[in-house]
Amino acid sequence: MELKKTTLEFNTVKLMQDIRAAADGESLRDLEAVSGVSASTLSRLDNGAMPDMNIFMRLCEAFKLQPGDYFVWVDWTGEVRG
């Protein structure tokens, strides 16, 4: 049996896409008002930064997102598994 190296990665791009979809095109300032997460932090996330757990959970709660949707297993070849 061959063992493959896998890593669990966080998908910030999908998180921000889903937040934007849930917010229906509102500005980062509007998203700040809804979530309590600063517009500057949201901008950093838009640019691919990793949120800390508190911010991530606040965003999931504010926009009714499922936290497990943003973690993905990737094997050593770069192939995504589920």
Protein backbone atom coordinates (compact mmCIF):
# COMPACT_ATOMS: atom_id res chain seq x y z
CA MET A 1 0.00 0.00 0.00
CA GLU A 2 1.43 3.35 -1.06
CA LEU A 3 1.13 6.19 1.42
CA LYS A 4 0.60 9.67 0.09
CA LYS A 5 1.45 12.83 1.94
CA THR A 6 -1.65 14.93 2.42
CA THR A 7 -2.20 18.34 3.95
CA LEU A 8 -5.30 20.07 5.15
CA GLU A 9 -5.52 23.50 3.56
CA PHE A 10 -7.82 26.45 4.11
CA ASN A 11 -9.58 27.96 1.10
CA THR A 12 -9.67 31.73 1.72
CA VAL A 13 -10.73 32.43 -1.87
CA LYS A 14 -13.89 30.31 -1.47
CA LEU A 15 -14.62 31.94 1.89
CA MET A 16 -14.56 35.43 0.41
CA GLN A 17 -16.53 34.33 -2.67
CA ASP A 18 -19.24 32.93 -0.41
CA ILE A 19 -19.25 36.03 1.80
CA ARG A 20 -19.57 38.25 -1.26
CA ALA A 21 -22.40 36.08 -2.61
CA ALA A 22 -24.23 36.16 0.73
CA ALA A 23 -23.73 39.92 0.99
CA ASP A 24 -25.12 40.52 -2.51
CA GLY A 25 -22.42 42.93 -3.67
CA GLU A 26 -22.19 45.12 -0.58
CA SER A 27 -19.01 47.09 0.09
CA LEU A 28 -16.37 46.00 2.59
CA ARG A 29 -17.63 48.74 4.95
CA ASP A 30 -21.12 47.22 4.75
CA LEU A 31 -19.66 43.77 5.42
CA GLU A 32 -17.83 45.23 8.41
CA ALA A 33 -21.12 46.50 9.83
CA VAL A 34 -22.76 43.09 9.42
CA SER A 35 -19.89 40.94 10.71
CA GLY A 36 -17.95 43.13 13.12
CA VAL A 37 -14.77 42.29 11.16
CA SER A 38 -12.93 45.40 10.00
CA ALA A 39 -12.94 46.36 6.34
CA SER A 40 -9.12 46.27 6.36
CA THR A 41 -9.15 42.66 7.60
CA LEU A 42 -11.75 41.75 4.97
CA SER A 43 -9.53 43.37 2.34
CA ARG A 44 -6.57 41.25 3.49
CA LEU A 45 -8.76 38.15 3.21
CA ASP A 46 -9.77 39.25 -0.29
CA ASN A 47 -6.06 39.20 -1.08
CA GLY A 48 -5.62 35.64 0.22
CA ALA A 49 -4.58 36.17 3.85
CA MET A 50 -5.52 33.47 6.35
CA PRO A 51 -8.02 34.58 9.01
CA ASP A 52 -7.47 33.67 12.62
CA MET A 53 -10.04 31.27 14.07
CA ASN A 54 -12.06 33.95 15.91
CA ILE A 55 -12.47 36.04 12.77
CA PHE A 56 -13.25 32.98 10.67
CA MET A 57 -15.97 31.84 13.07
CA ARG A 58 -17.41 35.36 13.32
CA LEU A 59 -17.67 35.53 9.53
CA CYS A 60 -19.27 32.08 9.31
CA GLU A 61 -21.84 33.07 11.92
CA ALA A 62 -22.58 36.48 10.39
CA PHE A 63 -23.07 35.11 6.88
CA LYS A 64 -24.52 31.72 7.87
CA LEU A 65 -21.67 29.72 6.34
CA GLN A 66 -20.60 26.19 7.29
CA PRO A 67 -16.99 26.26 8.62
CA GLY A 68 -16.18 22.80 7.25
CA ASP A 69 -16.75 24.00 3.69
CA TYR A 70 -13.44 25.90 3.71
CA PHE A 71 -11.01 23.10 4.55
CA VAL A 72 -9.79 20.73 1.87
CA TRP A 73 -7.42 17.75 1.86
CA VAL A 74 -4.70 18.06 -0.80
CA ASP A 75 -2.33 15.19 -1.58
CA TRP A 76 1.35 15.63 -2.44
CA THR A 77 0.62 15.81 -6.16
CA GLY A 78 -1.56 18.88 -5.57
CA GLU A 79 -4.71 16.90 -6.31
CA VAL A 80 -7.73 17.87 -4.22
CA ARG A 81 -9.56 15.03 -2.45
CA GLY A 82 -13.12 15.88 -1.42
